[in-house]
Amino acid sequence: MSNREKYSPGAAAGAEVRKDGDTWTLVLVRELRHPPMKVWQALTQAEQLREWAPFDADRDLDIVGPVKLSTAGTPTPQVSVTSIERALAPRLLEYSWGGNGIRWELEPLANGTRLTLWHSIDRRFVSMGAAGWHICFDVLDRFLAGHSIGRIVGGEAMKFGGWQRLNDEYAKQFRNRNDEPSPTT
């Protein structure tokens, strides 16, 4: 059995939803056992993004300016022409994807990096987004450790064992905290 076949996501954790007016933001935090510069490279180098991220980039994301991001794992890739707004290695990266703001913060820890993602998202999709990013973070962590299982995104992620459970767990967590007024399944 391959590492990919053995992979099963852990319990839903490290996510919350924040509401500011009509804007909903999914916030995910993950502690990785890798130094900030190694994590930064995985977040910004187009070649490394293809290992774990839900999109492909037409260039590295470490320089402010225009970039094209294309959805991965979809029958027809959707291309977003956007711009890297801030790229402060190895601690802060900001851009939009599909019209939604994305902000990554990397905080050095004694034994690695605390990675925080802020993703502006339609409230109807917050639990789905949390489940998808959860799997992406797991794949990222394995990739950084040298045990790549290949990215699991889009329709494949939704069919992958554990995605529906994660989606349900996040939806319940968000409802229990009044973060999300209606279930998203």
N, C-alpha and C. Protein backbone atom coordinates (compact mmCIF):
# COMPACT_ATOMS: atom_id res chain seq x y z
N MET A 1 0.86 -1.18 0.00
CA MET A 1 0.00 0.00 0.00
C MET A 1 0.90 1.24 0.00
N SER A 2 0.61 2.22 -0.87
CA SER A 2 1.41 3.43 -0.98
C SER A 2 1.10 4.38 0.19
N ASN A 3 1.99 5.36 0.38
CA ASN A 3 1.75 6.38 1.40
C ASN A 3 0.44 7.11 1.15
N ARG A 4 0.10 7.33 -0.11
CA ARG A 4 -1.15 8.01 -0.45
C ARG A 4 -2.35 7.16 -0.03
N GLU A 5 -2.27 5.85 -0.28
CA GLU A 5 -3.38 4.97 0.10
C GLU A 5 -3.52 4.87 1.61
N LYS A 6 -2.42 5.01 2.33
CA LYS A 6 -2.44 4.94 3.80
C LYS A 6 -2.94 6.24 4.43
N TYR A 7 -2.88 7.34 3.68
CA TYR A 7 -3.24 8.64 4.24
C TYR A 7 -4.71 8.71 4.63
N SER A 8 -4.94 9.21 5.82
CA SER A 8 -6.29 9.50 6.29
C SER A 8 -6.20 10.77 7.13
N PRO A 9 -6.99 11.79 6.80
CA PRO A 9 -6.89 13.04 7.56
C PRO A 9 -7.33 12.86 9.01
N GLY A 10 -6.67 13.60 9.88
CA GLY A 10 -7.04 13.59 11.29
C GLY A 10 -8.33 14.36 11.51
N ALA A 11 -8.70 14.50 12.76
CA ALA A 11 -9.93 15.20 13.13
C ALA A 11 -9.85 16.67 12.75
N ALA A 12 -11.01 17.25 12.50
CA ALA A 12 -11.11 18.67 12.19
C ALA A 12 -10.59 19.48 13.38
N ALA A 13 -9.63 20.34 13.12
CA ALA A 13 -9.05 21.15 14.19
C ALA A 13 -8.30 22.33 13.59
N GLY A 14 -8.09 23.35 14.40
CA GLY A 14 -7.27 24.48 13.99
C GLY A 14 -7.92 25.43 13.01
N ALA A 15 -9.27 25.45 12.98
CA ALA A 15 -9.97 26.33 12.05
C ALA A 15 -11.05 27.11 12.77
N GLU A 16 -11.28 28.31 12.30
CA GLU A 16 -12.38 29.12 12.80
C GLU A 16 -12.87 30.01 11.66
N VAL A 17 -14.05 30.57 11.85
CA VAL A 17 -14.61 31.49 10.88
C VAL A 17 -14.84 32.82 11.57
N ARG A 18 -14.44 33.89 10.89
CA ARG A 18 -14.66 35.23 11.42
C ARG A 18 -15.55 35.99 10.46
N LYS A 19 -16.45 36.78 11.02
CA LYS A 19 -17.38 37.57 10.21
C LYS A 19 -17.15 39.04 10.50
N ASP A 20 -17.01 39.82 9.42
CA ASP A 20 -16.86 41.26 9.54
C ASP A 20 -17.81 41.88 8.53
N GLY A 21 -18.97 42.31 9.00
CA GLY A 21 -20.00 42.80 8.09
C GLY A 21 -20.50 41.64 7.24
N ASP A 22 -20.40 41.78 5.93
CA ASP A 22 -20.82 40.72 5.02
C ASP A 22 -19.66 39.83 4.61
N THR A 23 -18.48 40.08 5.15
CA THR A 23 -17.29 39.33 4.77
C THR A 23 -17.02 38.20 5.76
N TRP A 24 -16.84 37.00 5.22
CA TRP A 24 -16.54 35.82 6.01
C TRP A 24 -15.11 35.40 5.72
N THR A 25 -14.37 35.09 6.75
CA THR A 25 -12.98 34.68 6.59
C THR A 25 -12.75 33.37 7.33
N LEU A 26 -12.23 32.40 6.60
CA LEU A 26 -11.83 31.13 7.18
C LEU A 26 -10.40 31.28 7.64
N VAL A 27 -10.12 30.96 8.89
CA VAL A 27 -8.77 31.06 9.45
C VAL A 27 -8.34 29.66 9.86
N LEU A 28 -7.22 29.21 9.29
CA LEU A 28 -6.67 27.89 9.63
C LEU A 28 -5.26 28.06 10.15
N VAL A 29 -4.95 27.34 11.23
CA VAL A 29 -3.62 27.39 11.83
C VAL A 29 -3.08 25.98 11.90
N ARG A 30 -1.84 25.83 11.50
CA ARG A 30 -1.19 24.51 11.55
C ARG A 30 0.26 24.72 11.97
N GLU A 31 0.71 23.92 12.91
CA GLU A 31 2.13 23.94 13.30
C GLU A 31 2.85 22.86 12.51
N LEU A 32 3.87 23.29 11.79
CA LEU A 32 4.65 22.39 10.95
C LEU A 32 6.05 22.23 11.53
N ARG A 33 6.63 21.05 11.41
CA ARG A 33 7.96 20.78 11.95
C ARG A 33 9.06 21.11 10.94
N HIS A 34 8.88 22.22 10.26
CA HIS A 34 9.82 22.64 9.23
C HIS A 34 10.12 24.13 9.42
N PRO A 35 11.34 24.57 9.11
CA PRO A 35 11.70 25.98 9.32
C PRO A 35 10.91 26.91 8.39
N PRO A 36 10.71 28.16 8.81
CA PRO A 36 9.92 29.10 8.02
C PRO A 36 10.37 29.23 6.56
N MET A 37 11.66 29.26 6.28
CA MET A 37 12.11 29.44 4.90
C MET A 37 11.71 28.24 4.03
N LYS A 38 11.75 27.05 4.57
CA LYS A 38 11.33 25.87 3.82
C LYS A 38 9.83 25.93 3.52
N VAL A 39 9.03 26.36 4.51
CA VAL A 39 7.58 26.49 4.32
C VAL A 39 7.31 27.61 3.31
N TRP A 40 8.03 28.73 3.44
CA TRP A 40 7.89 29.86 2.51
C TRP A 40 8.09 29.41 1.06
N GLN A 41 9.12 28.64 0.84
CA GLN A 41 9.41 28.17 -0.52
C GLN A 41 8.27 27.31 -1.05
N ALA A 42 7.68 26.49 -0.20
CA ALA A 42 6.55 25.65 -0.63
C ALA A 42 5.33 26.50 -0.95
N LEU A 43 5.17 27.64 -0.27
CA LEU A 43 4.04 28.54 -0.51
C LEU A 43 4.23 29.41 -1.74
N THR A 44 5.48 29.61 -2.15
CA THR A 44 5.75 30.59 -3.20
C THR A 44 6.33 30.03 -4.49
N GLN A 45 6.99 28.91 -4.46
CA GLN A 45 7.61 28.39 -5.68
C GLN A 45 6.58 27.59 -6.48
N ALA A 46 6.39 27.99 -7.73
CA ALA A 46 5.38 27.35 -8.58
C ALA A 46 5.56 25.84 -8.64
N GLU A 47 6.79 25.39 -8.73
CA GLU A 47 7.06 23.95 -8.80
C GLU A 47 6.60 23.23 -7.53
N GLN A 48 6.82 23.84 -6.37
CA GLN A 48 6.40 23.21 -5.12
C GLN A 48 4.89 23.32 -4.91
N LEU A 49 4.27 24.38 -5.37
CA LEU A 49 2.81 24.50 -5.26
C LEU A 49 2.11 23.34 -5.94
N ARG A 50 2.68 22.85 -7.05
CA ARG A 50 2.08 21.72 -7.78
C ARG A 50 2.08 20.43 -6.96
N GLU A 51 2.80 20.40 -5.87
CA GLU A 51 2.85 19.21 -5.01
C GLU A 51 1.70 19.15 -4.00
N TRP A 52 1.10 20.31 -3.68
CA TRP A 52 0.13 20.31 -2.58
C TRP A 52 -1.03 21.30 -2.72
N ALA A 53 -0.87 22.40 -3.44
CA ALA A 53 -1.86 23.49 -3.46
C ALA A 53 -3.03 23.20 -4.39
N PRO A 54 -4.18 23.85 -4.15
CA PRO A 54 -5.34 23.64 -5.00
C PRO A 54 -5.30 24.45 -6.30
N PHE A 55 -4.16 25.05 -6.59
CA PHE A 55 -4.00 25.82 -7.82
C PHE A 55 -2.56 25.71 -8.31
N ASP A 56 -2.40 26.03 -9.61
CA ASP A 56 -1.09 26.17 -10.22
C ASP A 56 -0.85 27.65 -10.45
N ALA A 57 0.40 28.06 -10.43
CA ALA A 57 0.77 29.45 -10.68
C ALA A 57 1.67 29.51 -11.91
N ASP A 58 1.54 30.58 -12.68
CA ASP A 58 2.36 30.71 -13.88
C ASP A 58 3.75 31.27 -13.57
N ARG A 59 3.99 31.56 -12.30
CA ARG A 59 5.30 32.02 -11.85
C ARG A 59 5.39 31.86 -10.33
N ASP A 60 6.58 32.03 -9.78
CA ASP A 60 6.73 32.00 -8.33
C ASP A 60 5.98 33.18 -7.72
N LEU A 61 5.52 33.02 -6.49
CA LEU A 61 4.69 34.02 -5.82
C LEU A 61 5.48 34.89 -4.85
N ASP A 62 6.80 34.89 -4.93
CA ASP A 62 7.61 35.60 -3.94
C ASP A 62 7.93 37.04 -4.33
N ILE A 63 7.35 37.53 -5.42
CA ILE A 63 7.57 38.90 -5.87
C ILE A 63 6.22 39.55 -6.13
N VAL A 64 6.04 40.78 -5.63
CA VAL A 64 4.81 41.53 -5.84
C VAL A 64 4.61 41.75 -7.33
N GLY A 65 3.35 41.60 -7.77
CA GLY A 65 3.02 41.84 -9.17
C GLY A 65 2.04 40.82 -9.69
N PRO A 66 1.69 40.92 -10.99
CA PRO A 66 0.67 40.06 -11.58
C PRO A 66 1.08 38.59 -11.63
N VAL A 67 0.07 37.73 -11.52
CA VAL A 67 0.26 36.28 -11.60
C VAL A 67 -1.06 35.65 -12.04
N LYS A 68 -0.97 34.52 -12.73
CA LYS A 68 -2.16 33.75 -13.09
C LYS A 68 -2.19 32.50 -12.23
N LEU A 69 -3.32 32.28 -11.57
CA LEU A 69 -3.55 31.08 -10.77
C LEU A 69 -4.65 30.28 -11.44
N SER A 70 -4.41 28.98 -11.64
CA SER A 70 -5.37 28.10 -12.30
C SER A 70 -5.77 26.99 -11.34
N THR A 71 -7.07 26.76 -11.21
CA THR A 71 -7.53 25.70 -10.33
C THR A 71 -6.94 24.36 -10.77
N ALA A 72 -6.61 23.54 -9.81
CA ALA A 72 -6.11 22.19 -10.07
C ALA A 72 -7.21 21.21 -9.69
N GLY A 73 -7.23 20.07 -10.35
CA GLY A 73 -8.19 19.03 -10.00
C GLY A 73 -9.60 19.31 -10.47
N THR A 74 -9.75 20.19 -11.46
CA THR A 74 -11.07 20.46 -12.01
C THR A 74 -11.06 20.06 -13.49
N PRO A 75 -12.22 19.65 -14.02
CA PRO A 75 -12.24 19.23 -15.42
C PRO A 75 -11.73 20.33 -16.36
N THR A 76 -12.14 21.57 -16.11
CA THR A 76 -11.66 22.71 -16.88
C THR A 76 -11.08 23.71 -15.90
N PRO A 77 -9.76 23.90 -15.93
CA PRO A 77 -9.15 24.85 -14.98
C PRO A 77 -9.72 26.25 -15.13
N GLN A 78 -10.02 26.87 -14.00
CA GLN A 78 -10.46 28.26 -13.98
C GLN A 78 -9.23 29.11 -13.70
N VAL A 79 -8.97 30.05 -14.58
CA VAL A 79 -7.79 30.89 -14.45
C VAL A 79 -8.18 32.23 -13.84
N SER A 80 -7.49 32.61 -12.78
CA SER A 80 -7.68 33.91 -12.14
C SER A 80 -6.43 34.73 -12.40
N VAL A 81 -6.64 35.89 -13.01
CA VAL A 81 -5.53 36.83 -13.17
C VAL A 81 -5.58 37.72 -11.94
N THR A 82 -4.52 37.71 -11.17
CA THR A 82 -4.51 38.42 -9.90
C THR A 82 -3.15 39.07 -9.70
N SER A 83 -2.90 39.50 -8.50
CA SER A 83 -1.64 40.15 -8.19
C SER A 83 -1.18 39.76 -6.80
N ILE A 84 0.10 39.51 -6.67
CA ILE A 84 0.69 39.33 -5.35
C ILE A 84 0.79 40.73 -4.75
N GLU A 85 0.12 40.94 -3.63
CA GLU A 85 0.08 42.27 -3.00
C GLU A 85 1.25 42.48 -2.03
N ARG A 86 1.58 41.42 -1.28
CA ARG A 86 2.68 41.51 -0.32
C ARG A 86 3.40 40.17 -0.30
N ALA A 87 4.73 40.24 -0.33
CA ALA A 87 5.56 39.04 -0.27
C ALA A 87 6.79 39.39 0.56
N LEU A 88 6.69 39.15 1.86
CA LEU A 88 7.76 39.48 2.80
C LEU A 88 8.34 38.18 3.34
N ALA A 89 9.34 37.67 2.65
CA ALA A 89 9.94 36.37 3.01
C ALA A 89 10.62 36.45 4.36
N PRO A 90 10.55 35.42 5.16
CA PRO A 90 9.65 34.26 5.07
C PRO A 90 8.50 34.38 6.04
N ARG A 91 7.78 35.52 6.03
CA ARG A 91 6.76 35.65 7.05
C ARG A 91 5.36 36.05 6.60
N LEU A 92 5.20 36.69 5.42
CA LEU A 92 3.88 37.16 5.03
C LEU A 92 3.72 37.12 3.51
N LEU A 93 2.59 36.57 3.06
CA LEU A 93 2.26 36.50 1.64
C LEU A 93 0.78 36.81 1.50
N GLU A 94 0.45 37.79 0.62
CA GLU A 94 -0.95 38.16 0.39
C GLU A 94 -1.24 38.29 -1.10
N TYR A 95 -2.39 37.73 -1.50
CA TYR A 95 -2.86 37.83 -2.87
C TYR A 95 -4.34 37.48 -2.86
N SER A 96 -4.98 37.55 -4.02
CA SER A 96 -6.35 37.07 -4.10
C SER A 96 -6.38 35.91 -5.07
N TRP A 97 -7.37 35.06 -4.87
CA TRP A 97 -7.56 33.90 -5.74
C TRP A 97 -9.04 33.78 -6.00
N GLY A 98 -9.43 33.89 -7.26
CA GLY A 98 -10.84 33.85 -7.60
C GLY A 98 -11.64 34.96 -6.95
N GLY A 99 -11.00 36.10 -6.72
CA GLY A 99 -11.66 37.24 -6.10
C GLY A 99 -11.71 37.19 -4.59
N ASN A 100 -11.13 36.15 -3.99
CA ASN A 100 -11.12 36.02 -2.53
C ASN A 100 -9.72 36.24 -1.99
N GLY A 101 -9.62 37.05 -0.94
CA GLY A 101 -8.32 37.34 -0.36
C GLY A 101 -7.70 36.13 0.31
N ILE A 102 -6.40 35.99 0.11
CA ILE A 102 -5.61 34.94 0.75
C ILE A 102 -4.45 35.62 1.47
N ARG A 103 -4.26 35.27 2.72
CA ARG A 103 -3.14 35.82 3.50
C ARG A 103 -2.49 34.67 4.26
N TRP A 104 -1.19 34.50 4.07
CA TRP A 104 -0.41 33.49 4.78
C TRP A 104 0.54 34.20 5.74
N GLU A 105 0.58 33.76 6.97
CA GLU A 105 1.57 34.26 7.93
C GLU A 105 2.36 33.07 8.44
N LEU A 106 3.67 33.25 8.52
CA LEU A 106 4.57 32.22 9.03
C LEU A 106 5.25 32.78 10.27
N GLU A 107 5.11 32.06 11.36
CA GLU A 107 5.72 32.48 12.62
C GLU A 107 6.71 31.41 13.06
N PRO A 108 7.99 31.81 13.26
CA PRO A 108 8.96 30.80 13.67
C PRO A 108 8.65 30.26 15.07
N LEU A 109 8.80 28.96 15.21
CA LEU A 109 8.66 28.29 16.50
C LEU A 109 10.00 27.62 16.80
N ALA A 110 10.19 27.20 18.03
CA ALA A 110 11.44 26.53 18.41
C ALA A 110 11.71 25.31 17.53
N ASN A 111 10.66 24.60 17.15
CA ASN A 111 10.84 23.38 16.38
C ASN A 111 10.13 23.41 15.02
N GLY A 112 9.93 24.61 14.46
CA GLY A 112 9.28 24.68 13.16
C GLY A 112 8.62 26.01 12.88
N THR A 113 7.40 25.94 12.35
CA THR A 113 6.67 27.13 11.90
C THR A 113 5.20 27.00 12.23
N ARG A 114 4.62 28.10 12.73
CA ARG A 114 3.16 28.17 12.84
C ARG A 114 2.69 28.86 11.57
N LEU A 115 1.93 28.13 10.77
CA LEU A 115 1.40 28.63 9.51
C LEU A 115 -0.06 28.99 9.71
N THR A 116 -0.41 30.24 9.40
CA THR A 116 -1.79 30.69 9.52
C THR A 116 -2.26 31.18 8.16
N LEU A 117 -3.42 30.69 7.75
CA LEU A 117 -4.05 31.08 6.49
C LEU A 117 -5.34 31.80 6.81
N TRP A 118 -5.51 32.98 6.21
CA TRP A 118 -6.79 33.70 6.21
C TRP A 118 -7.30 33.63 4.79
N HIS A 119 -8.51 33.09 4.60
CA HIS A 119 -9.10 32.95 3.26
C HIS A 119 -10.50 33.53 3.29
N SER A 120 -10.70 34.67 2.63
CA SER A 120 -12.05 35.23 2.49
C SER A 120 -12.85 34.25 1.64
N ILE A 121 -14.05 33.92 2.12
CA ILE A 121 -14.79 32.85 1.46
C ILE A 121 -16.29 33.07 1.64
N ASP A 122 -17.05 32.65 0.67
CA ASP A 122 -18.51 32.69 0.77
C ASP A 122 -18.92 31.81 1.94
N ARG A 123 -19.78 32.31 2.80
CA ARG A 123 -20.13 31.58 4.03
C ARG A 123 -20.72 30.21 3.75
N ARG A 124 -21.31 30.03 2.57
CA ARG A 124 -21.89 28.73 2.23
C ARG A 124 -20.84 27.65 2.04
N PHE A 125 -19.59 28.06 1.87
CA PHE A 125 -18.53 27.10 1.55
C PHE A 125 -17.45 26.99 2.62
N VAL A 126 -17.68 27.54 3.82
CA VAL A 126 -16.60 27.56 4.81
C VAL A 126 -16.20 26.17 5.28
N SER A 127 -17.14 25.29 5.53
CA SER A 127 -16.74 23.95 5.99
C SER A 127 -16.07 23.17 4.86
N MET A 128 -16.55 23.34 3.63
CA MET A 128 -15.90 22.69 2.49
C MET A 128 -14.48 23.22 2.32
N GLY A 129 -14.34 24.55 2.44
CA GLY A 129 -13.01 25.15 2.34
C GLY A 129 -12.09 24.66 3.44
N ALA A 130 -12.61 24.58 4.66
CA ALA A 130 -11.79 24.09 5.78
C ALA A 130 -11.35 22.65 5.54
N ALA A 131 -12.26 21.80 5.06
CA ALA A 131 -11.91 20.40 4.78
C ALA A 131 -10.85 20.33 3.68
N GLY A 132 -11.03 21.10 2.62
CA GLY A 132 -10.07 21.09 1.53
C GLY A 132 -8.69 21.58 1.95
N TRP A 133 -8.65 22.70 2.66
CA TRP A 133 -7.35 23.23 3.13
C TRP A 133 -6.71 22.28 4.14
N HIS A 134 -7.51 21.64 4.97
CA HIS A 134 -7.00 20.67 5.94
C HIS A 134 -6.20 19.59 5.20
N ILE A 135 -6.79 19.04 4.14
CA ILE A 135 -6.10 18.01 3.36
C ILE A 135 -4.87 18.59 2.68
N CYS A 136 -4.99 19.80 2.12
CA CYS A 136 -3.81 20.44 1.49
C CYS A 136 -2.68 20.61 2.50
N PHE A 137 -3.01 21.02 3.72
CA PHE A 137 -1.98 21.19 4.75
C PHE A 137 -1.32 19.86 5.10
N ASP A 138 -2.12 18.79 5.18
CA ASP A 138 -1.55 17.47 5.44
C ASP A 138 -0.59 17.06 4.33
N VAL A 139 -1.00 17.28 3.09
CA VAL A 139 -0.15 16.93 1.94
C VAL A 139 1.11 17.80 1.96
N LEU A 140 0.96 19.09 2.27
CA LEU A 140 2.11 19.99 2.38
C LEU A 140 3.10 19.50 3.42
N ASP A 141 2.61 19.13 4.59
CA ASP A 141 3.48 18.66 5.67
C ASP A 141 4.26 17.42 5.25
N ARG A 142 3.59 16.49 4.61
CA ARG A 142 4.26 15.27 4.13
C ARG A 142 5.28 15.59 3.05
N PHE A 143 4.94 16.50 2.14
CA PHE A 143 5.85 16.91 1.08
C PHE A 143 7.12 17.53 1.68
N LEU A 144 6.94 18.42 2.64
CA LEU A 144 8.09 19.08 3.28
C LEU A 144 8.96 18.08 4.03
N ALA A 145 8.37 17.01 4.51
CA ALA A 145 9.12 15.98 5.24
C ALA A 145 9.79 14.99 4.29
N GLY A 146 9.58 15.17 2.96
CA GLY A 146 10.19 14.27 1.99
C GLY A 146 9.39 13.01 1.73
N HIS A 147 8.11 13.02 2.11
CA HIS A 147 7.23 11.86 1.93
C HIS A 147 6.01 12.27 1.10
N SER A 148 6.24 12.79 -0.09
CA SER A 148 5.16 13.30 -0.93
C SER A 148 4.14 12.21 -1.25
N ILE A 149 2.86 12.61 -1.14
CA ILE A 149 1.78 11.69 -1.53
C ILE A 149 1.03 12.27 -2.74
N GLY A 150 1.49 13.42 -3.24
CA GLY A 150 0.83 14.07 -4.37
C GLY A 150 -0.38 14.85 -3.90
N ARG A 151 -0.65 15.93 -4.60
CA ARG A 151 -1.75 16.78 -4.13
C ARG A 151 -3.10 16.08 -4.29
N ILE A 152 -3.98 16.44 -3.37
CA ILE A 152 -5.33 15.88 -3.32
C ILE A 152 -6.26 17.09 -3.25
N VAL A 153 -6.81 17.48 -4.41
CA VAL A 153 -7.59 18.72 -4.49
C VAL A 153 -8.81 18.53 -5.37
N GLY A 154 -9.68 19.53 -5.37
CA GLY A 154 -10.84 19.55 -6.24
C GLY A 154 -11.74 18.35 -6.02
N GLY A 155 -12.27 17.84 -7.13
CA GLY A 155 -13.17 16.69 -7.07
C GLY A 155 -12.53 15.47 -6.45
N GLU A 156 -11.22 15.30 -6.69
CA GLU A 156 -10.53 14.15 -6.09
C GLU A 156 -10.55 14.24 -4.57
N ALA A 157 -10.35 15.43 -4.03
CA ALA A 157 -10.37 15.60 -2.57
C ALA A 157 -11.75 15.24 -2.02
N MET A 158 -12.79 15.67 -2.73
CA MET A 158 -14.15 15.42 -2.26
C MET A 158 -14.50 13.93 -2.28
N LYS A 159 -13.84 13.18 -3.14
CA LYS A 159 -14.06 11.73 -3.21
C LYS A 159 -13.12 10.97 -2.28
N PHE A 160 -12.10 11.66 -1.80
CA PHE A 160 -11.07 11.03 -1.00
C PHE A 160 -11.63 10.64 0.36
N GLY A 161 -11.23 9.48 0.85
CA GLY A 161 -11.66 9.04 2.17
C GLY A 161 -11.33 10.08 3.23
N GLY A 162 -12.30 10.46 3.98
CA GLY A 162 -12.08 11.41 5.07
C GLY A 162 -12.57 12.82 4.77
N TRP A 163 -12.72 13.18 3.48
CA TRP A 163 -13.14 14.55 3.18
C TRP A 163 -14.54 14.84 3.70
N GLN A 164 -15.50 13.95 3.44
CA GLN A 164 -16.87 14.20 3.89
C GLN A 164 -16.94 14.28 5.41
N ARG A 165 -16.19 13.41 6.09
CA ARG A 165 -16.15 13.45 7.55
C ARG A 165 -15.62 14.81 8.02
N LEU A 166 -14.51 15.27 7.40
CA LEU A 166 -13.95 16.57 7.76
C LEU A 166 -14.96 17.69 7.52
N ASN A 167 -15.61 17.67 6.35
CA ASN A 167 -16.60 18.68 6.02
C ASN A 167 -17.69 18.71 7.09
N ASP A 168 -18.18 17.55 7.47
CA ASP A 168 -19.23 17.46 8.49
C ASP A 168 -18.74 17.96 9.85
N GLU A 169 -17.51 17.56 10.22
CA GLU A 169 -16.95 17.99 11.52
C GLU A 169 -16.76 19.50 11.57
N TYR A 170 -16.23 20.08 10.50
CA TYR A 170 -16.05 21.54 10.49
C TYR A 170 -17.40 22.25 10.51
N ALA A 171 -18.37 21.76 9.73
CA ALA A 171 -19.70 22.38 9.72
C ALA A 171 -20.29 22.37 11.13
N LYS A 172 -20.14 21.26 11.83
CA LYS A 172 -20.67 21.17 13.20
C LYS A 172 -19.92 22.12 14.13
N GLN A 173 -18.60 22.16 14.04
CA GLN A 173 -17.81 23.07 14.88
C GLN A 173 -18.24 24.51 14.66
N PHE A 174 -18.37 24.91 13.39
CA PHE A 174 -18.72 26.29 13.09
C PHE A 174 -20.13 26.62 13.57
N ARG A 175 -21.08 25.70 13.41
CA ARG A 175 -22.44 25.93 13.90
C ARG A 175 -22.45 26.03 15.41
N ASN A 176 -21.69 25.17 16.08
CA ASN A 176 -21.68 25.18 17.55
C ASN A 176 -21.12 26.47 18.11
N ARG A 177 -20.31 27.16 17.33
CA ARG A 177 -19.74 28.44 17.78
C ARG A 177 -20.46 29.61 17.15
N ASN A 178 -21.58 29.32 16.50
CA ASN A 178 -22.35 30.37 15.82
C ASN A 178 -21.54 31.11 14.76
N ASP A 179 -20.50 30.43 14.24
CA ASP A 179 -19.71 31.02 13.17
C ASP A 179 -20.44 30.89 11.83
N GLU A 180 -21.21 29.84 11.73
CA GLU A 180 -21.84 29.54 10.45
C GLU A 180 -23.32 29.28 10.72
N PRO A 181 -24.22 30.13 10.23
CA PRO A 181 -25.62 30.02 10.60
C PRO A 181 -26.35 28.82 9.99
N SER A 182 -25.83 28.27 8.90
CA SER A 182 -26.54 27.14 8.31
C SER A 182 -25.54 26.07 7.88
N PRO A 183 -25.97 24.82 7.90
CA PRO A 183 -25.03 23.75 7.53
C PRO A 183 -24.60 23.87 6.08
N THR A 184 -23.36 23.46 5.81
CA THR A 184 -22.85 23.43 4.42
C THR A 184 -22.40 22.03 4.12
N THR A 185 -23.22 21.32 3.43
CA THR A 185 -22.88 19.95 3.05
C THR A 185 -23.02 19.78 1.57
